[in-house]
């Protein structure tokens, strides 16, 4: 993982950060619509989709800003990875159950759950993994330091 040039990792951080910021935008503007999209998955207990629809977009904003600005990159990339794994699990369970629903990701209007969405999320997950595992802490405002140093 140390062989990737720091500028390339910076570009990956910016792209992943922009993806999370763009994904959060419409969700913040219309949390009611996002709550309906969440409920279409029939996975979250009734009533909790409203809480998720309000909180999740702001988490995405903080992830995006952290990655772009270089603040707490390890935390931002770790949380983004966890969210991407959860998104993939939701898409997989919707596909298995035969749901023909919009993904609710906020990136493309009308994008349906399916293999294309899984591949997009896997690409973003790999990007998040690469960012998290970088040893070179260039271009960060608050890099993680070892306690033993």
C-alpha atoms as a PDB file:
ATOM      1  CA  UNK A   1       0.000   0.000   0.000  1.00  0.00           C
ATOM      2  CA  UNK A   2       2.939   2.358   0.498  1.00  0.00           C
ATOM      3  CA  UNK A   3       3.752   2.353  -3.216  1.00  0.00           C
ATOM      4  CA  UNK A   4       0.877   4.652  -4.160  1.00  0.00           C
ATOM      5  CA  UNK A   5       2.065   8.213  -4.675  1.00  0.00           C
ATOM      6  CA  UNK A   6       0.675  10.680  -2.091  1.00  0.00           C
ATOM      7  CA  UNK A   7      -0.770  12.900  -4.844  1.00  0.00           C
ATOM      8  CA  UNK A   8      -2.783   9.970  -6.203  1.00  0.00           C
ATOM      9  CA  UNK A   9      -4.082   9.248  -2.695  1.00  0.00           C
ATOM     10  CA  UNK A  10      -4.984  12.937  -2.368  1.00  0.00           C
ATOM     11  CA  UNK A  11      -6.954  12.717  -5.623  1.00  0.00           C
ATOM     12  CA  UNK A  12      -8.698   9.592  -4.355  1.00  0.00           C
ATOM     13  CA  UNK A  13      -9.583  11.391  -1.118  1.00  0.00           C
ATOM     14  CA  UNK A  14     -11.010  14.375  -2.997  1.00  0.00           C
ATOM     15  CA  UNK A  15     -13.054  12.195  -5.364  1.00  0.00           C
ATOM     16  CA  UNK A  16     -14.434  10.048  -2.526  1.00  0.00           C
ATOM     17  CA  UNK A  17     -15.148  13.185  -0.491  1.00  0.00           C
ATOM     18  CA  UNK A  18     -17.022  14.784  -3.376  1.00  0.00           C
ATOM     19  CA  UNK A  19     -19.057  11.595  -3.869  1.00  0.00           C
ATOM     20  CA  UNK A  20     -20.172  11.704  -0.231  1.00  0.00           C
ATOM     21  CA  UNK A  21     -20.943  15.448  -0.378  1.00  0.00           C
ATOM     22  CA  UNK A  22     -22.977  15.087  -3.573  1.00  0.00           C
ATOM     23  CA  UNK A  23     -24.798  12.050  -2.152  1.00  0.00           C
ATOM     24  CA  UNK A  24     -25.782  14.005   0.955  1.00  0.00           C
ATOM     25  CA  UNK A  25     -27.061  17.123  -0.803  1.00  0.00           C
ATOM     26  CA  UNK A  26     -30.490  15.980  -2.004  1.00  0.00           C
ATOM     27  CA  UNK A  27     -31.027  13.921   1.146  1.00  0.00           C
ATOM     28  CA  UNK A  28     -30.543  17.010   3.300  1.00  0.00           C
ATOM     29  CA  UNK A  29     -32.883  19.062   1.120  1.00  0.00           C
ATOM     30  CA  UNK A  30     -35.649  16.432   1.133  1.00  0.00           C
ATOM     31  CA  UNK A  31     -35.345  14.092   4.135  1.00  0.00           C
ATOM     32  CA  UNK A  32     -38.956  12.970   3.697  1.00  0.00           C
ATOM     33  CA  UNK A  33     -38.199  11.561   0.234  1.00  0.00           C
ATOM     34  CA  UNK A  34     -35.030   9.927   1.567  1.00  0.00           C
ATOM     35  CA  UNK A  35     -37.029   8.329   4.392  1.00  0.00           C
ATOM     36  CA  UNK A  36     -39.419   6.838   1.791  1.00  0.00           C
ATOM     37  CA  UNK A  37     -36.454   5.474  -0.170  1.00  0.00           C
ATOM     38  CA  UNK A  38     -35.060   3.913   3.016  1.00  0.00           C
ATOM     39  CA  UNK A  39     -38.423   2.327   3.836  1.00  0.00           C
ATOM     40  CA  UNK A  40     -38.550   0.767   0.335  1.00  0.00           C
ATOM     41  CA  UNK A  41     -35.785  -1.602   1.443  1.00  0.00           C
ATOM     42  CA  UNK A  42     -38.088  -3.033   4.172  1.00  0.00           C
ATOM     43  CA  UNK A  43     -35.065  -3.552   6.397  1.00  0.00           C
ATOM     44  CA  UNK A  44     -35.147  -0.861   9.082  1.00  0.00           C
ATOM     45  CA  UNK A  45     -37.917  -1.115  11.701  1.00  0.00           C
ATOM     46  CA  UNK A  46     -40.915   1.103  11.069  1.00  0.00           C
ATOM     47  CA  UNK A  47     -40.347   4.631  12.322  1.00  0.00           C
ATOM     48  CA  UNK A  48     -36.549   4.491  12.421  1.00  0.00           C
ATOM     49  CA  UNK A  49     -36.194   5.447   8.765  1.00  0.00           C
ATOM     50  CA  UNK A  50     -37.010   9.045   9.727  1.00  0.00           C
ATOM     51  CA  UNK A  51     -34.138   9.159  12.221  1.00  0.00           C
ATOM     52  CA  UNK A  52     -31.772   7.612   9.676  1.00  0.00           C
ATOM     53  CA  UNK A  53     -32.950  10.042   6.975  1.00  0.00           C
ATOM     54  CA  UNK A  54     -32.066  12.986   9.186  1.00  0.00           C
ATOM     55  CA  UNK A  55     -28.752  11.761  10.623  1.00  0.00           C
ATOM     56  CA  UNK A  56     -27.133   9.821   7.759  1.00  0.00           C
ATOM     57  CA  UNK A  57     -26.786  12.723   5.266  1.00  0.00           C
ATOM     58  CA  UNK A  58     -24.955  14.808   7.871  1.00  0.00           C
ATOM     59  CA  UNK A  59     -22.576  11.934   8.558  1.00  0.00           C
ATOM     60  CA  UNK A  60     -21.913  11.850   4.809  1.00  0.00           C
ATOM     61  CA  UNK A  61     -21.201  15.600   4.858  1.00  0.00           C
ATOM     62  CA  UNK A  62     -18.651  15.207   7.658  1.00  0.00           C
ATOM     63  CA  UNK A  63     -17.024  12.256   5.880  1.00  0.00           C
ATOM     64  CA  UNK A  64     -16.752  14.245   2.650  1.00  0.00           C
ATOM     65  CA  UNK A  65     -15.347  17.345   4.323  1.00  0.00           C
ATOM     66  CA  UNK A  66     -12.889  15.299   6.377  1.00  0.00           C
ATOM     67  CA  UNK A  67     -11.545  13.527   3.306  1.00  0.00           C
ATOM     68  CA  UNK A  68     -11.277  16.676   1.210  1.00  0.00           C
ATOM     69  CA  UNK A  69      -9.801  18.931   3.910  1.00  0.00           C
ATOM     70  CA  UNK A  70      -7.494  16.282   5.340  1.00  0.00           C
ATOM     71  CA  UNK A  71      -9.032  16.300   8.798  1.00  0.00           C
ATOM     72  CA  UNK A  72      -9.309  12.944  10.597  1.00  0.00           C
ATOM     73  CA  UNK A  73      -8.828  11.016   7.377  1.00  0.00           C
ATOM     74  CA  UNK A  74      -8.535   7.670   9.132  1.00  0.00           C
ATOM     75  CA  UNK A  75     -11.898   8.134  10.815  1.00  0.00           C
ATOM     76  CA  UNK A  76     -13.541   9.473   7.668  1.00  0.00           C
ATOM     77  CA  UNK A  77     -12.256   6.638   5.504  1.00  0.00           C
ATOM     78  CA  UNK A  78     -13.137   4.027   8.138  1.00  0.00           C
ATOM     79  CA  UNK A  79     -16.699   5.313   8.545  1.00  0.00           C
ATOM     80  CA  UNK A  80     -17.097   5.644   4.772  1.00  0.00           C
ATOM     81  CA  UNK A  81     -15.996   2.019   4.406  1.00  0.00           C
ATOM     82  CA  UNK A  82     -18.468   0.842   7.034  1.00  0.00           C
ATOM     83  CA  UNK A  83     -21.284   2.799   5.356  1.00  0.00           C
ATOM     84  CA  UNK A  84     -20.367   1.404   1.946  1.00  0.00           C
ATOM     85  CA  UNK A  85     -20.426  -2.144   3.328  1.00  0.00           C
ATOM     86  CA  UNK A  86     -23.854  -1.459   4.853  1.00  0.00           C
ATOM     87  CA  UNK A  87     -25.108   0.050   1.571  1.00  0.00           C
ATOM     88  CA  UNK A  88     -23.901  -3.032  -0.302  1.00  0.00           C
ATOM     89  CA  UNK A  89     -25.638  -5.354   2.150  1.00  0.00           C
ATOM     90  CA  UNK A  90     -28.877  -3.407   1.707  1.00  0.00           C
ATOM     91  CA  UNK A  91     -28.592  -3.591  -2.076  1.00  0.00           C
ATOM     92  CA  UNK A  92     -27.832  -7.325  -1.944  1.00  0.00           C
ATOM     93  CA  UNK A  93     -30.804  -8.081   0.308  1.00  0.00           C
ATOM     94  CA  UNK A  94     -33.063  -5.997  -1.951  1.00  0.00           C
ATOM     95  CA  UNK A  95     -31.835  -7.909  -5.009  1.00  0.00           C
ATOM     96  CA  UNK A  96     -32.318 -11.275  -3.294  1.00  0.00           C
ATOM     97  CA  UNK A  97     -35.830 -10.320  -2.244  1.00  0.00           C
ATOM     98  CA  UNK A  98     -36.627  -9.178  -5.793  1.00  0.00           C
ATOM     99  CA  UNK A  99     -37.233  -5.508  -5.022  1.00  0.00           C
ATOM    100  CA  UNK A 100     -37.166  -3.244  -8.063  1.00  0.00           C
ATOM    101  CA  UNK A 101     -36.472   0.002  -6.191  1.00  0.00           C
ATOM    102  CA  UNK A 102     -34.339   3.099  -6.547  1.00  0.00           C
ATOM    103  CA  UNK A 103     -31.127   2.889  -4.564  1.00  0.00           C
ATOM    104  CA  UNK A 104     -31.707   6.162  -2.699  1.00  0.00           C
ATOM    105  CA  UNK A 105     -28.006   6.939  -2.867  1.00  0.00           C
ATOM    106  CA  UNK A 106     -28.496  10.522  -3.990  1.00  0.00           C
ATOM    107  CA  UNK A 107     -25.959  10.311  -6.803  1.00  0.00           C
ATOM    108  CA  UNK A 108     -28.058   9.488  -9.870  1.00  0.00           C
ATOM    109  CA  UNK A 109     -31.750  10.181 -10.088  1.00  0.00           C
ATOM    110  CA  UNK A 110     -33.682   6.979 -10.710  1.00  0.00           C
ATOM    111  CA  UNK A 111     -30.757   4.561 -10.321  1.00  0.00           C
ATOM    112  CA  UNK A 112     -32.111   1.149  -9.424  1.00  0.00           C
ATOM    113  CA  UNK A 113     -30.537  -1.425  -7.128  1.00  0.00           C
ATOM    114  CA  UNK A 114     -28.553  -4.014  -9.015  1.00  0.00           C
ATOM    115  CA  UNK A 115     -25.132  -5.206 -10.049  1.00  0.00           C
ATOM    116  CA  UNK A 116     -24.055  -1.806 -11.360  1.00  0.00           C
ATOM    117  CA  UNK A 117     -24.764  -0.213  -7.977  1.00  0.00           C
ATOM    118  CA  UNK A 118     -22.848  -3.002  -6.229  1.00  0.00           C
ATOM    119  CA  UNK A 119     -19.819  -2.475  -8.479  1.00  0.00           C
ATOM    120  CA  UNK A 120     -19.895   1.302  -7.922  1.00  0.00           C
ATOM    121  CA  UNK A 121     -20.023   0.784  -4.160  1.00  0.00           C
ATOM    122  CA  UNK A 122     -17.227  -1.800  -4.291  1.00  0.00           C
ATOM    123  CA  UNK A 123     -15.023   0.645  -6.213  1.00  0.00           C
ATOM    124  CA  UNK A 124     -15.675   3.304  -3.588  1.00  0.00           C
ATOM    125  CA  UNK A 125     -15.030   0.753  -0.827  1.00  0.00           C
ATOM    126  CA  UNK A 126     -11.651  -0.176  -2.322  1.00  0.00           C
ATOM    127  CA  UNK A 127     -10.803   3.526  -2.568  1.00  0.00           C
ATOM    128  CA  UNK A 128     -11.740   3.980   1.066  1.00  0.00           C
ATOM    129  CA  UNK A 129      -9.588   0.973   2.030  1.00  0.00           C
ATOM    130  CA  UNK A 130      -6.569   2.351   0.162  1.00  0.00           C
ATOM    131  CA  UNK A 131      -6.941   5.744   1.851  1.00  0.00           C
ATOM    132  CA  UNK A 132      -7.268   4.151   5.283  1.00  0.00           C
ATOM    133  CA  UNK A 133      -4.189   1.949   4.865  1.00  0.00           C
ATOM    134  CA  UNK A 134      -1.803   4.659   3.677  1.00  0.00           C
ATOM    135  CA  UNK A 135       1.337   4.981   5.764  1.00  0.00           C
ATOM    136  CA  UNK A 136       2.370   8.263   4.155  1.00  0.00           C
ATOM    137  CA  UNK A 137       0.496  11.046   5.945  1.00  0.00           C
ATOM    138  CA  UNK A 138       1.113  13.815   3.394  1.00  0.00           C
ATOM    139  CA  UNK A 139      -1.536  16.452   2.715  1.00  0.00           C
ATOM    140  CA  UNK A 140      -3.304  16.021   6.042  1.00  0.00           C
ATOM    141  CA  UNK A 141      -4.117  18.731   8.564  1.00  0.00           C
ATOM    142  CA  UNK A 142      -4.227  16.350  11.503  1.00  0.00           C
ATOM    143  CA  UNK A 143      -2.442  13.101  10.676  1.00  0.00           C
ATOM    144  CA  UNK A 144      -2.665  10.139  12.996  1.00  0.00           C
ATOM    145  CA  UNK A 145       0.455   9.570  15.059  1.00  0.00           C
ATOM    146  CA  UNK A 146       1.559   6.474  16.883  1.00  0.00           C
ATOM    147  CA  UNK A 147       1.520   6.595  20.684  1.00  0.00           C
ATOM    148  CA  UNK A 148       4.943   4.978  20.745  1.00  0.00           C
ATOM    149  CA  UNK A 149       6.589   7.864  18.880  1.00  0.00           C
END
